[in-house]
Amino acid sequence: LKLSDDPDVNEVIKFLRQREVVHFQRFGEAILTHSNRF
């Protein structure tokens, strides 16, 4: 996003970036779910 000045590209990259954030959250929740086991 820092390198690109193409709005068509940036909208797609922003979506993909946000999905990485969501995935990070889901994996964090998985660790918490296994709190008793670990």
ModelCIF file with pLDDT and N, C-alpha, C, O atoms, coordinates in Angstrom:
data_MODEL
#
_entry.id   MODEL 
#
_entity.id                         1 
_entity.type                       polymer 
_entity.pdbx_number_of_molecules   1 
#
_entity_poly.entity_id                      1 
_entity_poly.type                           'polypeptide(L)' 
_entity_poly.nstd_linkage                   no 
_entity_poly.nstd_monomer                   no 
_entity_poly.pdbx_seq_one_letter_code       LKLSDDPDVNEVIKFLRQREVVHFQRFGEAILTHSNRF 
_entity_poly.pdbx_seq_one_letter_code_can   LKLSDDPDVNEVIKFLRQREVVHFQRFGEAILTHSNRF 
_entity_poly.pdbx_strand_id                 A 
#
loop_
_entity_poly_seq.entity_id 
_entity_poly_seq.num 
_entity_poly_seq.mon_id 
_entity_poly_seq.hetero 
1 1  LEU n 
1 2  LYS n 
1 3  LEU n 
1 4  SER n 
1 5  ASP n 
1 6  ASP n 
1 7  PRO n 
1 8  ASP n 
1 9  VAL n 
1 10 ASN n 
1 11 GLU n 
1 12 VAL n 
1 13 ILE n 
1 14 LYS n 
1 15 PHE n 
1 16 LEU n 
1 17 ARG n 
1 18 GLN n 
1 19 ARG n 
1 20 GLU n 
1 21 VAL n 
1 22 VAL n 
1 23 HIS n 
1 24 PHE n 
1 25 GLN n 
1 26 ARG n 
1 27 PHE n 
1 28 GLY n 
1 29 GLU n 
1 30 ALA n 
1 31 ILE n 
1 32 LEU n 
1 33 THR n 
1 34 HIS n 
1 35 SER n 
1 36 ASN n 
1 37 ARG n 
1 38 PHE n 
#
_struct_asym.id          A 
_struct_asym.entity_id   1 
#
loop_
_ma_qa_metric.id 
_ma_qa_metric.mode 
_ma_qa_metric.name 
_ma_qa_metric.software_group_id 
_ma_qa_metric.type 
1 global pLDDT . pLDDT 
2 local  pLDDT . pLDDT 
#
_ma_qa_metric_global.metric_id      1 
_ma_qa_metric_global.metric_value   88.87 
_ma_qa_metric_global.model_id       1 
_ma_qa_metric_global.ordinal_id     1 
#
loop_
_ma_qa_metric_local.label_asym_id 
_ma_qa_metric_local.label_comp_id 
_ma_qa_metric_local.label_seq_id 
_ma_qa_metric_local.metric_id 
_ma_qa_metric_local.metric_value 
_ma_qa_metric_local.model_id 
_ma_qa_metric_local.ordinal_id 
A LEU 1  2 97.00 1 1  
A LYS 2  2 97.00 1 2  
A LEU 3  2 96.00 1 3  
A SER 4  2 96.00 1 4  
A ASP 5  2 95.00 1 5  
A ASP 6  2 97.00 1 6  
A PRO 7  2 97.00 1 7  
A ASP 8  2 97.00 1 8  
A VAL 9  2 98.00 1 9  
A ASN 10 2 98.00 1 10 
A GLU 11 2 98.00 1 11 
A VAL 12 2 98.00 1 12 
A ILE 13 2 98.00 1 13 
A LYS 14 2 97.00 1 14 
A PHE 15 2 97.00 1 15 
A LEU 16 2 98.00 1 16 
A ARG 17 2 96.00 1 17 
A GLN 18 2 96.00 1 18 
A ARG 19 2 96.00 1 19 
A GLU 20 2 95.00 1 20 
A VAL 21 2 93.00 1 21 
A VAL 22 2 93.00 1 22 
A HIS 23 2 95.00 1 23 
A PHE 24 2 92.00 1 24 
A GLN 25 2 91.00 1 25 
A ARG 26 2 92.00 1 26 
A PHE 27 2 92.00 1 27 
A GLY 28 2 88.00 1 28 
A GLU 29 2 86.00 1 29 
A ALA 30 2 88.00 1 30 
A ILE 31 2 83.00 1 31 
A LEU 32 2 79.00 1 32 
A THR 33 2 77.00 1 33 
A HIS 34 2 70.00 1 34 
A SER 35 2 56.00 1 35 
A ASN 36 2 55.00 1 36 
A ARG 37 2 59.00 1 37 
A PHE 38 2 51.00 1 38 
#
loop_
_atom_site.group_PDB 
_atom_site.id 
_atom_site.type_symbol 
_atom_site.label_atom_id 
_atom_site.label_alt_id 
_atom_site.label_comp_id 
_atom_site.label_asym_id 
_atom_site.label_entity_id 
_atom_site.label_seq_id 
_atom_site.pdbx_PDB_ins_code 
_atom_site.Cartn_x 
_atom_site.Cartn_y 
_atom_site.Cartn_z 
_atom_site.occupancy 
_atom_site.B_iso_or_equiv 
_atom_site.pdbx_formal_charge 
_atom_site.auth_seq_id 
_atom_site.auth_comp_id 
_atom_site.auth_asym_id 
_atom_site.auth_atom_id 
_atom_site.pdbx_PDB_model_num 
ATOM 1   N N  . LEU A 1 1  ? 0.828  -1.212  0.000  1.00 97.00 ? 1  LEU A N  1 
ATOM 2   C CA . LEU A 1 1  ? 0.000  0.000   0.000  1.00 97.00 ? 1  LEU A CA 1 
ATOM 3   C C  . LEU A 1 1  ? 0.862  1.262   0.000  1.00 97.00 ? 1  LEU A C  1 
ATOM 4   O O  . LEU A 1 1  ? 0.474  2.275   -0.581 1.00 97.00 ? 1  LEU A O  1 
ATOM 5   N N  . LYS A 1 2  ? 2.005  1.209   0.634  1.00 97.00 ? 2  LYS A N  1 
ATOM 6   C CA . LYS A 1 2  ? 2.907  2.362   0.643  1.00 97.00 ? 2  LYS A CA 1 
ATOM 7   C C  . LYS A 1 2  ? 3.547  2.586   -0.727 1.00 97.00 ? 2  LYS A C  1 
ATOM 8   O O  . LYS A 1 2  ? 3.906  3.711   -1.074 1.00 97.00 ? 2  LYS A O  1 
ATOM 9   N N  . LEU A 1 3  ? 3.686  1.520   -1.494 1.00 96.00 ? 3  LEU A N  1 
ATOM 10  C CA . LEU A 1 3  ? 4.339  1.613   -2.798 1.00 96.00 ? 3  LEU A CA 1 
ATOM 11  C C  . LEU A 1 3  ? 3.371  1.893   -3.944 1.00 96.00 ? 3  LEU A C  1 
ATOM 12  O O  . LEU A 1 3  ? 3.769  2.411   -4.987 1.00 96.00 ? 3  LEU A O  1 
ATOM 13  N N  . SER A 1 4  ? 2.109  1.552   -3.749 1.00 96.00 ? 4  SER A N  1 
ATOM 14  C CA . SER A 1 4  ? 1.135  1.637   -4.830 1.00 96.00 ? 4  SER A CA 1 
ATOM 15  C C  . SER A 1 4  ? 0.357  2.947   -4.795 1.00 96.00 ? 4  SER A C  1 
ATOM 16  O O  . SER A 1 4  ? -0.076 3.397   -3.734 1.00 96.00 ? 4  SER A O  1 
ATOM 17  N N  . ASP A 1 5  ? 0.184  3.554   -5.972 1.00 95.00 ? 5  ASP A N  1 
ATOM 18  C CA . ASP A 1 5  ? -0.672 4.732   -6.091 1.00 95.00 ? 5  ASP A CA 1 
ATOM 19  C C  . ASP A 1 5  ? -1.877 4.448   -6.987 1.00 95.00 ? 5  ASP A C  1 
ATOM 20  O O  . ASP A 1 5  ? -2.534 5.368   -7.475 1.00 95.00 ? 5  ASP A O  1 
ATOM 21  N N  . ASP A 1 6  ? -2.156 3.151   -7.196 1.00 97.00 ? 6  ASP A N  1 
ATOM 22  C CA . ASP A 1 6  ? -3.275 2.740   -8.037 1.00 97.00 ? 6  ASP A CA 1 
ATOM 23  C C  . ASP A 1 6  ? -4.475 2.418   -7.150 1.00 97.00 ? 6  ASP A C  1 
ATOM 24  O O  . ASP A 1 6  ? -4.439 1.427   -6.421 1.00 97.00 ? 6  ASP A O  1 
ATOM 25  N N  . PRO A 1 7  ? -5.531 3.218   -7.189 1.00 97.00 ? 7  PRO A N  1 
ATOM 26  C CA . PRO A 1 7  ? -6.692 2.965   -6.311 1.00 97.00 ? 7  PRO A CA 1 
ATOM 27  C C  . PRO A 1 7  ? -7.377 1.633   -6.589 1.00 97.00 ? 7  PRO A C  1 
ATOM 28  O O  . PRO A 1 7  ? -7.934 1.025   -5.675 1.00 97.00 ? 7  PRO A O  1 
ATOM 29  N N  . ASP A 1 8  ? -7.344 1.170   -7.840 1.00 97.00 ? 8  ASP A N  1 
ATOM 30  C CA . ASP A 1 8  ? -7.947 -0.124  -8.159 1.00 97.00 ? 8  ASP A CA 1 
ATOM 31  C C  . ASP A 1 8  ? -7.221 -1.255  -7.442 1.00 97.00 ? 8  ASP A C  1 
ATOM 32  O O  . ASP A 1 8  ? -7.844 -2.199  -6.955 1.00 97.00 ? 8  ASP A O  1 
ATOM 33  N N  . VAL A 1 9  ? -5.921 -1.150  -7.386 1.00 98.00 ? 9  VAL A N  1 
ATOM 34  C CA . VAL A 1 9  ? -5.103 -2.153  -6.694 1.00 98.00 ? 9  VAL A CA 1 
ATOM 35  C C  . VAL A 1 9  ? -5.253 -2.011  -5.183 1.00 98.00 ? 9  VAL A C  1 
ATOM 36  O O  . VAL A 1 9  ? -5.382 -3.004  -4.466 1.00 98.00 ? 9  VAL A O  1 
ATOM 37  N N  . ASN A 1 10 ? -5.233 -0.788  -4.714 1.00 98.00 ? 10 ASN A N  1 
ATOM 38  C CA . ASN A 1 10 ? -5.237 -0.553  -3.269 1.00 98.00 ? 10 ASN A CA 1 
ATOM 39  C C  . ASN A 1 10 ? -6.499 -1.066  -2.589 1.00 98.00 ? 10 ASN A C  1 
ATOM 40  O O  . ASN A 1 10 ? -6.438 -1.556  -1.462 1.00 98.00 ? 10 ASN A O  1 
ATOM 41  N N  . GLU A 1 11 ? -7.640 -0.959  -3.264 1.00 98.00 ? 11 GLU A N  1 
ATOM 42  C CA . GLU A 1 11 ? -8.884 -1.458  -2.674 1.00 98.00 ? 11 GLU A CA 1 
ATOM 43  C C  . GLU A 1 11 ? -8.808 -2.972  -2.453 1.00 98.00 ? 11 GLU A C  1 
ATOM 44  O O  . GLU A 1 11 ? -9.288 -3.485  -1.442 1.00 98.00 ? 11 GLU A O  1 
ATOM 45  N N  . VAL A 1 12 ? -8.211 -3.664  -3.393 1.00 98.00 ? 12 VAL A N  1 
ATOM 46  C CA . VAL A 1 12 ? -8.063 -5.116  -3.267 1.00 98.00 ? 12 VAL A CA 1 
ATOM 47  C C  . VAL A 1 12 ? -7.083 -5.452  -2.149 1.00 98.00 ? 12 VAL A C  1 
ATOM 48  O O  . VAL A 1 12 ? -7.337 -6.342  -1.337 1.00 98.00 ? 12 VAL A O  1 
ATOM 49  N N  . ILE A 1 13 ? -5.968 -4.740  -2.111 1.00 98.00 ? 13 ILE A N  1 
ATOM 50  C CA . ILE A 1 13 ? -4.953 -4.991  -1.086 1.00 98.00 ? 13 ILE A CA 1 
ATOM 51  C C  . ILE A 1 13 ? -5.511 -4.714  0.313  1.00 98.00 ? 13 ILE A C  1 
ATOM 52  O O  . ILE A 1 13 ? -5.209 -5.445  1.256  1.00 98.00 ? 13 ILE A O  1 
ATOM 53  N N  . LYS A 1 14 ? -6.313 -3.674  0.447  1.00 97.00 ? 14 LYS A N  1 
ATOM 54  C CA . LYS A 1 14 ? -6.925 -3.367  1.748  1.00 97.00 ? 14 LYS A CA 1 
ATOM 55  C C  . LYS A 1 14 ? -7.839 -4.498  2.202  1.00 97.00 ? 14 LYS A C  1 
ATOM 56  O O  . LYS A 1 14 ? -7.862 -4.852  3.381  1.00 97.00 ? 14 LYS A O  1 
ATOM 57  N N  . PHE A 1 15 ? -8.591 -5.061  1.262  1.00 97.00 ? 15 PHE A N  1 
ATOM 58  C CA . PHE A 1 15 ? -9.450 -6.187  1.619  1.00 97.00 ? 15 PHE A CA 1 
ATOM 59  C C  . PHE A 1 15 ? -8.613 -7.376  2.105  1.00 97.00 ? 15 PHE A C  1 
ATOM 60  O O  . PHE A 1 15 ? -8.911 -7.973  3.139  1.00 97.00 ? 15 PHE A O  1 
ATOM 61  N N  . LEU A 1 16 ? -7.566 -7.710  1.351  1.00 98.00 ? 16 LEU A N  1 
ATOM 62  C CA . LEU A 1 16 ? -6.723 -8.840  1.733  1.00 98.00 ? 16 LEU A CA 1 
ATOM 63  C C  . LEU A 1 16 ? -6.046 -8.594  3.075  1.00 98.00 ? 16 LEU A C  1 
ATOM 64  O O  . LEU A 1 16 ? -5.921 -9.505  3.894  1.00 98.00 ? 16 LEU A O  1 
ATOM 65  N N  . ARG A 1 17 ? -5.614 -7.365  3.291  1.00 96.00 ? 17 ARG A N  1 
ATOM 66  C CA . ARG A 1 17 ? -4.991 -7.026  4.569  1.00 96.00 ? 17 ARG A CA 1 
ATOM 67  C C  . ARG A 1 17 ? -5.964 -7.241  5.721  1.00 96.00 ? 17 ARG A C  1 
ATOM 68  O O  . ARG A 1 17 ? -5.592 -7.786  6.761  1.00 96.00 ? 17 ARG A O  1 
ATOM 69  N N  . GLN A 1 18 ? -7.206 -6.816  5.537  1.00 96.00 ? 18 GLN A N  1 
ATOM 70  C CA . GLN A 1 18 ? -8.191 -6.962  6.600  1.00 96.00 ? 18 GLN A CA 1 
ATOM 71  C C  . GLN A 1 18 ? -8.473 -8.423  6.911  1.00 96.00 ? 18 GLN A C  1 
ATOM 72  O O  . GLN A 1 18 ? -8.710 -8.776  8.066  1.00 96.00 ? 18 GLN A O  1 
ATOM 73  N N  . ARG A 1 19 ? -8.451 -9.260  5.911  1.00 96.00 ? 19 ARG A N  1 
ATOM 74  C CA . ARG A 1 19 ? -8.673 -10.684 6.140  1.00 96.00 ? 19 ARG A CA 1 
ATOM 75  C C  . ARG A 1 19 ? -7.522 -11.298 6.946  1.00 96.00 ? 19 ARG A C  1 
ATOM 76  O O  . ARG A 1 19 ? -7.735 -12.231 7.721  1.00 96.00 ? 19 ARG A O  1 
ATOM 77  N N  . GLU A 1 20 ? -6.317 -10.780 6.765  1.00 95.00 ? 20 GLU A N  1 
ATOM 78  C CA . GLU A 1 20 ? -5.190 -11.260 7.571  1.00 95.00 ? 20 GLU A CA 1 
ATOM 79  C C  . GLU A 1 20 ? -5.434 -10.920 9.038  1.00 95.00 ? 20 GLU A C  1 
ATOM 80  O O  . GLU A 1 20 ? -5.130 -11.719 9.924  1.00 95.00 ? 20 GLU A O  1 
ATOM 81  N N  . VAL A 1 21 ? -5.980 -9.738  9.292  1.00 93.00 ? 21 VAL A N  1 
ATOM 82  C CA . VAL A 1 21 ? -6.290 -9.334  10.666 1.00 93.00 ? 21 VAL A CA 1 
ATOM 83  C C  . VAL A 1 21 ? -7.330 -10.279 11.274 1.00 93.00 ? 21 VAL A C  1 
ATOM 84  O O  . VAL A 1 21 ? -7.199 -10.706 12.421 1.00 93.00 ? 21 VAL A O  1 
ATOM 85  N N  . VAL A 1 22 ? -8.358 -10.598 10.495 1.00 93.00 ? 22 VAL A N  1 
ATOM 86  C CA . VAL A 1 22 ? -9.409 -11.510 10.986 1.00 93.00 ? 22 VAL A CA 1 
ATOM 87  C C  . VAL A 1 22 ? -8.832 -12.887 11.264 1.00 93.00 ? 22 VAL A C  1 
ATOM 88  O O  . VAL A 1 22 ? -9.156 -13.501 12.280 1.00 93.00 ? 22 VAL A O  1 
ATOM 89  N N  . HIS A 1 23 ? -7.987 -13.373 10.380 1.00 95.00 ? 23 HIS A N  1 
ATOM 90  C CA . HIS A 1 23 ? -7.379 -14.691 10.591 1.00 95.00 ? 23 HIS A CA 1 
ATOM 91  C C  . HIS A 1 23 ? -6.522 -14.692 11.854 1.00 95.00 ? 23 HIS A C  1 
ATOM 92  O O  . HIS A 1 23 ? -6.530 -15.657 12.617 1.00 95.00 ? 23 HIS A O  1 
ATOM 93  N N  . PHE A 1 24 ? -5.782 -13.602 12.069 1.00 92.00 ? 24 PHE A N  1 
ATOM 94  C CA . PHE A 1 24 ? -4.987 -13.485 13.285 1.00 92.00 ? 24 PHE A CA 1 
ATOM 95  C C  . PHE A 1 24 ? -5.883 -13.609 14.521 1.00 92.00 ? 24 PHE A C  1 
ATOM 96  O O  . PHE A 1 24 ? -5.534 -14.286 15.488 1.00 92.00 ? 24 PHE A O  1 
ATOM 97  N N  . GLN A 1 25 ? -7.014 -12.963 14.473 1.00 91.00 ? 25 GLN A N  1 
ATOM 98  C CA . GLN A 1 25 ? -7.949 -13.028 15.598 1.00 91.00 ? 25 GLN A CA 1 
ATOM 99  C C  . GLN A 1 25 ? -8.457 -14.450 15.817 1.00 91.00 ? 25 GLN A C  1 
ATOM 100 O O  . GLN A 1 25 ? -8.546 -14.913 16.954 1.00 91.00 ? 25 GLN A O  1 
ATOM 101 N N  . ARG A 1 26 ? -8.787 -15.135 14.734 1.00 92.00 ? 26 ARG A N  1 
ATOM 102 C CA . ARG A 1 26 ? -9.312 -16.499 14.866 1.00 92.00 ? 26 ARG A CA 1 
ATOM 103 C C  . ARG A 1 26 ? -8.255 -17.434 15.462 1.00 92.00 ? 26 ARG A C  1 
ATOM 104 O O  . ARG A 1 26 ? -8.579 -18.297 16.278 1.00 92.00 ? 26 ARG A O  1 
ATOM 105 N N  . PHE A 1 27 ? -6.998 -17.266 15.057 1.00 92.00 ? 27 PHE A N  1 
ATOM 106 C CA . PHE A 1 27 ? -5.951 -18.117 15.616 1.00 92.00 ? 27 PHE A CA 1 
ATOM 107 C C  . PHE A 1 27 ? -5.709 -17.770 17.088 1.00 92.00 ? 27 PHE A C  1 
ATOM 108 O O  . PHE A 1 27 ? -5.422 -18.655 17.894 1.00 92.00 ? 27 PHE A O  1 
ATOM 109 N N  . GLY A 1 28 ? -5.824 -16.498 17.437 1.00 88.00 ? 28 GLY A N  1 
ATOM 110 C CA . GLY A 1 28 ? -5.707 -16.123 18.846 1.00 88.00 ? 28 GLY A CA 1 
ATOM 111 C C  . GLY A 1 28 ? -6.796 -16.755 19.680 1.00 88.00 ? 28 GLY A C  1 
ATOM 112 O O  . GLY A 1 28 ? -6.539 -17.227 20.787 1.00 88.00 ? 28 GLY A O  1 
ATOM 113 N N  . GLU A 1 29 ? -8.004 -16.769 19.163 1.00 86.00 ? 29 GLU A N  1 
ATOM 114 C CA . GLU A 1 29 ? -9.113 -17.413 19.865 1.00 86.00 ? 29 GLU A CA 1 
ATOM 115 C C  . GLU A 1 29 ? -8.888 -18.906 20.004 1.00 86.00 ? 29 GLU A C  1 
ATOM 116 O O  . GLU A 1 29 ? -9.275 -19.504 21.008 1.00 86.00 ? 29 GLU A O  1 
ATOM 117 N N  . ALA A 1 30 ? -8.259 -19.518 18.993 1.00 88.00 ? 30 ALA A N  1 
ATOM 118 C CA . ALA A 1 30 ? -7.988 -20.962 19.063 1.00 88.00 ? 30 ALA A CA 1 
ATOM 119 C C  . ALA A 1 30 ? -7.028 -21.274 20.208 1.00 88.00 ? 30 ALA A C  1 
ATOM 120 O O  . ALA A 1 30 ? -7.195 -22.276 20.904 1.00 88.00 ? 30 ALA A O  1 
ATOM 121 N N  . ILE A 1 31 ? -6.032 -20.425 20.405 1.00 83.00 ? 31 ILE A N  1 
ATOM 122 C CA . ILE A 1 31 ? -5.106 -20.632 21.527 1.00 83.00 ? 31 ILE A CA 1 
ATOM 123 C C  . ILE A 1 31 ? -5.852 -20.527 22.847 1.00 83.00 ? 31 ILE A C  1 
ATOM 124 O O  . ILE A 1 31 ? -5.627 -21.317 23.764 1.00 83.00 ? 31 ILE A O  1 
ATOM 125 N N  . LEU A 1 32 ? -6.740 -19.546 22.935 1.00 79.00 ? 32 LEU A N  1 
ATOM 126 C CA . LEU A 1 32 ? -7.504 -19.383 24.169 1.00 79.00 ? 32 LEU A CA 1 
ATOM 127 C C  . LEU A 1 32 ? -8.448 -20.564 24.400 1.00 79.00 ? 32 LEU A C  1 
ATOM 128 O O  . LEU A 1 32 ? -8.650 -20.986 25.538 1.00 79.00 ? 32 LEU A O  1 
ATOM 129 N N  . THR A 1 33 ? -9.016 -21.084 23.337 1.00 77.00 ? 33 THR A N  1 
ATOM 130 C CA . THR A 1 33 ? -9.919 -22.235 23.445 1.00 77.00 ? 33 THR A CA 1 
ATOM 131 C C  . THR A 1 33 ? -9.197 -23.433 24.038 1.00 77.00 ? 33 THR A C  1 
ATOM 132 O O  . THR A 1 33 ? -9.794 -24.231 24.761 1.00 77.00 ? 33 THR A O  1 
ATOM 133 N N  . HIS A 1 34 ? -7.916 -23.556 23.733 1.00 70.00 ? 34 HIS A N  1 
ATOM 134 C CA . HIS A 1 34 ? -7.129 -24.682 24.227 1.00 70.00 ? 34 HIS A CA 1 
ATOM 135 C C  . HIS A 1 34 ? -6.431 -24.351 25.547 1.00 70.00 ? 34 HIS A C  1 
ATOM 136 O O  . HIS A 1 34 ? -5.448 -24.997 25.908 1.00 70.00 ? 34 HIS A O  1 
ATOM 137 N N  . SER A 1 35 ? -6.934 -23.353 26.263 1.00 56.00 ? 35 SER A N  1 
ATOM 138 C CA . SER A 1 35 ? -6.248 -22.908 27.479 1.00 56.00 ? 35 SER A CA 1 
ATOM 139 C C  . SER A 1 35 ? -6.108 -24.025 28.508 1.00 56.00 ? 35 SER A C  1 
ATOM 140 O O  . SER A 1 35 ? -5.071 -24.123 29.164 1.00 56.00 ? 35 SER A O  1 
ATOM 141 N N  . ASN A 1 36 ? -7.109 -24.853 28.660 1.00 55.00 ? 36 ASN A N  1 
ATOM 142 C CA . ASN A 1 36 ? -7.013 -25.934 29.637 1.00 55.00 ? 36 ASN A CA 1 
ATOM 143 C C  . ASN A 1 36 ? -6.011 -26.986 29.203 1.00 55.00 ? 36 ASN A C  1 
ATOM 144 O O  . ASN A 1 36 ? -5.257 -27.516 30.019 1.00 55.00 ? 36 ASN A O  1 
ATOM 145 N N  . ARG A 1 37 ? -6.007 -27.281 27.924 1.00 59.00 ? 37 ARG A N  1 
ATOM 146 C CA . ARG A 1 37 ? -5.080 -28.293 27.414 1.00 59.00 ? 37 ARG A CA 1 
ATOM 147 C C  . ARG A 1 37 ? -3.641 -27.797 27.485 1.00 59.00 ? 37 ARG A C  1 
ATOM 148 O O  . ARG A 1 37 ? -2.717 -28.566 27.749 1.00 59.00 ? 37 ARG A O  1 
ATOM 149 N N  . PHE A 1 38 ? -3.464 -26.485 27.243 1.00 51.00 ? 38 PHE A N  1 
ATOM 150 C CA . PHE A 1 38 ? -2.128 -25.912 27.252 1.00 51.00 ? 38 PHE A CA 1 
ATOM 151 C C  . PHE A 1 38 ? -1.961 -25.005 28.464 1.00 51.00 ? 38 PHE A C  1 
ATOM 152 O O  . PHE A 1 38 ? -0.895 -24.420 28.655 1.00 51.00 ? 38 PHE A O  1 
#
